[in-house]
């Protein structure tokens, strides 16, 4: 039997929301080592050993994505999520960031897979991922990110000396406390980018870690 929808072309959700030009094909202004131009189409891990300001350091990237008219999705598998007024105070449209609560890392990875397959999100943040992730899972996420010109960013809590989530993480950045402010350091970049260091000063609301 012929489907009544067989004459309609299938379109990805993202193509209905924005221009078909991929974010990886544009050249947005760089905002440091966590700029959109550097992370687009990749698996990225941002890790900190304690509350040193990783979320604060991530806010400019979220703002850059939203400024391009794109959507951010947040997948939370930890015990708490960001405090919305803090992100709003940094100029982010919090109401445009859907939050998926996942009971564990496995469920969070599955949620990220579904979000990427929809083609609607330019940035998917997974907060609270623990342990290591099987390369087959990371490989699937990496292929989806490259296909849709999206970024998968893992926020993890670990020492800079600890191993990353997996071998297929393309870019790893550590966040640590410095003598003056907070230090972001690129410790791994498979695209042969500079292993650079950036220091930022954080003076945000108390709820922003």
Protein backbone atom coordinates (compact mmCIF):
# COMPACT_ATOMS: atom_id res chain seq x y z
CA UNK A 1 0.00 0.00 0.00
CA UNK A 2 1.30 3.42 -0.91
CA UNK A 3 1.82 5.72 2.05
CA UNK A 4 -0.14 9.01 1.87
CA UNK A 5 3.13 10.75 2.76
CA UNK A 6 5.23 9.09 0.06
CA UNK A 7 5.17 12.18 -2.15
CA UNK A 8 6.66 14.42 0.55
CA UNK A 9 10.41 14.91 0.78
CA UNK A 10 11.90 14.11 4.18
CA UNK A 11 13.56 17.12 5.78
CA UNK A 12 15.75 17.30 8.83
CA UNK A 13 14.35 19.42 11.63
CA UNK A 14 17.37 21.70 11.57
CA UNK A 15 16.86 22.57 7.92
CA UNK A 16 13.45 23.97 8.81
CA UNK A 17 14.90 26.10 11.59
CA UNK A 18 17.82 27.78 9.89
CA UNK A 19 19.86 28.25 6.75
CA UNK A 20 21.19 24.99 5.28
CA UNK A 21 24.76 26.33 5.50
CA UNK A 22 26.65 24.34 8.15
CA UNK A 23 28.14 26.17 11.10
CA UNK A 24 31.40 24.42 10.27
CA UNK A 25 31.40 26.29 6.94
CA UNK A 26 31.06 29.73 8.44
CA UNK A 27 33.74 31.64 10.28
CA UNK A 28 32.31 33.01 13.50
CA UNK A 29 34.47 35.28 15.61
CA UNK A 30 36.82 33.23 17.73
CA UNK A 31 36.19 33.49 21.44
CA UNK A 32 39.29 31.70 22.63
CA UNK A 33 40.08 28.02 22.78
CA UNK A 34 36.41 27.18 23.36
CA UNK A 35 35.22 29.13 20.34
CA UNK A 36 32.68 27.69 17.92
CA UNK A 37 35.13 27.70 15.02
CA UNK A 38 37.37 25.28 16.92
CA UNK A 39 34.80 22.87 18.34
CA UNK A 40 32.34 22.55 15.45
CA UNK A 41 31.73 19.00 14.25
CA UNK A 42 33.76 17.41 17.05
CA UNK A 43 33.60 15.45 20.30
CA UNK A 44 34.92 17.77 23.00
CA UNK A 45 35.61 17.09 26.68
CA UNK A 46 35.91 19.93 29.18
CA UNK A 47 37.02 18.68 32.57
CA UNK A 48 37.72 20.16 35.98
CA UNK A 49 38.84 18.57 39.27
CA UNK A 50 36.60 20.83 41.36
CA UNK A 51 34.27 23.79 40.86
CA UNK A 52 36.79 25.93 39.00
CA UNK A 53 34.43 27.59 36.53
CA UNK A 54 33.93 25.15 33.65
CA UNK A 55 30.31 26.19 33.18
CA UNK A 56 31.26 29.86 33.24
CA UNK A 57 33.93 29.18 30.63
CA UNK A 58 31.32 27.40 28.52
CA UNK A 59 28.83 30.29 28.51
CA UNK A 60 30.50 32.27 25.68
CA UNK A 61 30.28 29.18 23.46
CA UNK A 62 26.59 28.75 24.25
CA UNK A 63 26.07 32.42 23.47
CA UNK A 64 27.97 32.10 20.20
CA UNK A 65 25.76 29.19 19.12
CA UNK A 66 22.59 31.08 19.99
CA UNK A 67 23.85 34.20 18.21
CA UNK A 68 24.02 32.11 15.02
CA UNK A 69 20.33 31.27 15.45
CA UNK A 70 21.14 27.70 16.48
CA UNK A 71 19.84 25.48 19.27
CA UNK A 72 21.63 24.07 22.31
CA UNK A 73 20.48 20.94 24.15
CA UNK A 74 21.58 20.02 27.66
CA UNK A 75 21.67 16.39 28.84
CA UNK A 76 22.11 16.07 32.61
CA UNK A 77 23.06 12.78 34.25
CA UNK A 78 24.48 14.24 37.46
CA UNK A 79 22.80 15.33 40.68
CA UNK A 80 22.14 18.93 39.68
CA UNK A 81 21.83 21.15 36.65
CA UNK A 82 22.83 24.73 35.92
CA UNK A 83 21.06 27.58 37.77
CA UNK A 84 19.00 29.29 35.00
CA UNK A 85 19.25 32.89 36.33
CA UNK A 86 23.05 32.63 36.19
CA UNK A 87 23.03 31.77 32.50
CA UNK A 88 20.43 34.43 31.83
CA UNK A 89 22.67 36.98 33.54
CA UNK A 90 25.35 36.10 31.01
CA UNK A 91 23.07 36.92 28.10
CA UNK A 92 21.83 33.43 27.26
CA UNK A 93 18.26 32.62 26.24
CA UNK A 94 17.66 29.98 28.90
CA UNK A 95 14.12 29.23 27.73
CA UNK A 96 15.57 28.09 24.39
CA UNK A 97 17.75 25.40 26.03
CA UNK A 98 15.85 22.12 26.48
CA UNK A 99 17.14 19.99 29.39
CA UNK A 100 17.03 16.20 29.30
CA UNK A 101 17.36 14.47 32.67
CA UNK A 102 19.08 11.08 32.32
CA UNK A 103 19.37 8.57 35.19
CA UNK A 104 22.89 7.49 34.22
CA UNK A 105 25.65 7.88 31.65
CA UNK A 106 24.26 5.17 29.35
CA UNK A 107 20.89 6.91 29.15
CA UNK A 108 22.59 10.28 28.61
CA UNK A 109 24.57 8.92 25.66
CA UNK A 110 21.40 7.48 24.13
CA UNK A 111 19.65 10.83 24.55
CA UNK A 112 22.56 12.60 22.84
CA UNK A 113 22.31 10.12 19.96
CA UNK A 114 18.60 10.89 19.48
CA UNK A 115 19.14 14.65 19.71
CA UNK A 116 21.89 14.56 17.09
CA UNK A 117 19.84 12.38 14.75
CA UNK A 118 17.05 14.96 14.81
CA UNK A 119 19.42 17.39 13.12
CA UNK A 120 17.95 20.24 15.15
CA UNK A 121 20.79 20.99 17.57
CA UNK A 122 24.16 22.56 16.87
CA UNK A 123 25.49 21.87 20.36
CA UNK A 124 24.65 18.99 22.70
CA UNK A 125 26.15 19.28 26.18
CA UNK A 126 26.39 16.16 28.36
CA UNK A 127 26.99 17.06 32.00
CA UNK A 128 27.87 14.44 34.60
CA UNK A 129 29.28 11.73 32.32
CA UNK A 130 31.48 9.38 34.35
CA UNK A 131 33.95 6.59 33.69
CA UNK A 132 35.00 5.74 30.16
CA UNK A 133 32.78 5.48 27.10
CA UNK A 134 33.00 2.65 24.61
CA UNK A 135 34.66 3.68 21.36
CA UNK A 136 31.74 2.33 19.34
CA UNK A 137 29.41 4.77 21.13
CA UNK A 138 31.81 7.68 20.75
CA UNK A 139 32.35 6.77 17.12
CA UNK A 140 28.62 6.90 16.42
CA UNK A 141 28.31 10.29 18.13
CA UNK A 142 31.34 11.58 16.23
CA UNK A 143 29.84 10.53 12.89
CA UNK A 144 26.54 12.20 13.73
CA UNK A 145 28.29 15.38 14.84
CA UNK A 146 30.28 15.53 11.61
CA UNK A 147 27.22 14.74 9.49
CA UNK A 148 25.10 17.49 11.01
CA UNK A 149 27.83 20.05 11.66
CA UNK A 150 27.14 19.80 15.39
CA UNK A 151 29.27 19.62 18.52
CA UNK A 152 29.05 17.09 21.34
CA UNK A 153 30.56 18.54 24.49
CA UNK A 154 31.12 16.50 27.66
CA UNK A 155 31.46 18.30 30.99
CA UNK A 156 33.34 15.98 33.34
CA UNK A 157 34.73 16.14 36.86
CA UNK A 158 38.26 14.74 36.94
CA UNK A 159 41.90 15.65 37.39
CA UNK A 160 43.87 16.91 34.37
CA UNK A 161 46.05 13.82 34.82
CA UNK A 162 43.10 11.44 34.44
CA UNK A 163 42.40 9.89 31.05
CA UNK A 164 39.72 11.35 28.82
CA UNK A 165 36.40 9.61 28.24
CA UNK A 166 37.77 7.73 25.26
CA UNK A 167 40.28 7.67 22.44
CA UNK A 168 37.81 9.24 20.01
CA UNK A 169 37.47 12.48 21.97
CA UNK A 170 38.83 14.97 19.45
CA UNK A 171 39.52 17.92 21.74
CA UNK A 172 40.10 17.96 25.49
CA UNK A 173 40.31 21.10 27.57
CA UNK A 174 41.00 21.21 31.30
CA UNK A 175 39.79 23.97 33.60
CA UNK A 176 41.78 24.73 36.73
CA UNK A 177 42.33 27.45 39.28
CA UNK A 178 45.17 29.83 38.47
CA UNK A 179 46.94 32.49 40.50
CA UNK A 180 44.86 35.08 38.68
CA UNK A 181 41.45 33.77 37.62
CA UNK A 182 40.75 30.49 35.88
CA UNK A 183 42.96 28.68 33.40
CA UNK A 184 41.74 26.79 30.34
CA UNK A 185 44.34 24.48 28.84
CA UNK A 186 44.15 22.42 25.66
CA UNK A 187 45.76 19.07 26.52
CA UNK A 188 44.66 17.17 23.41
CA UNK A 189 43.70 18.29 19.91
CA UNK A 190 43.49 15.71 17.13
CA UNK A 191 43.30 18.44 14.51
CA UNK A 192 46.83 19.50 15.40
CA UNK A 193 45.71 22.81 16.78
CA UNK A 194 47.94 24.67 19.21
CA UNK A 195 48.02 23.24 22.75
CA UNK A 196 47.22 26.69 24.03
CA UNK A 197 46.42 28.18 27.41
CA UNK A 198 43.83 30.85 28.10
CA UNK A 199 43.20 32.63 31.39
CA UNK A 200 39.85 34.18 32.15
CA UNK A 201 38.52 36.17 35.10
CA UNK A 202 35.21 35.02 36.56
CA UNK A 203 33.05 37.36 38.56
CA UNK A 204 29.68 35.73 38.12
CA UNK A 205 26.77 35.04 40.45
CA UNK A 206 27.32 32.62 43.32
CA UNK A 207 25.26 29.90 41.72
CA UNK A 208 27.48 29.68 38.65
CA UNK A 209 30.18 27.03 39.12
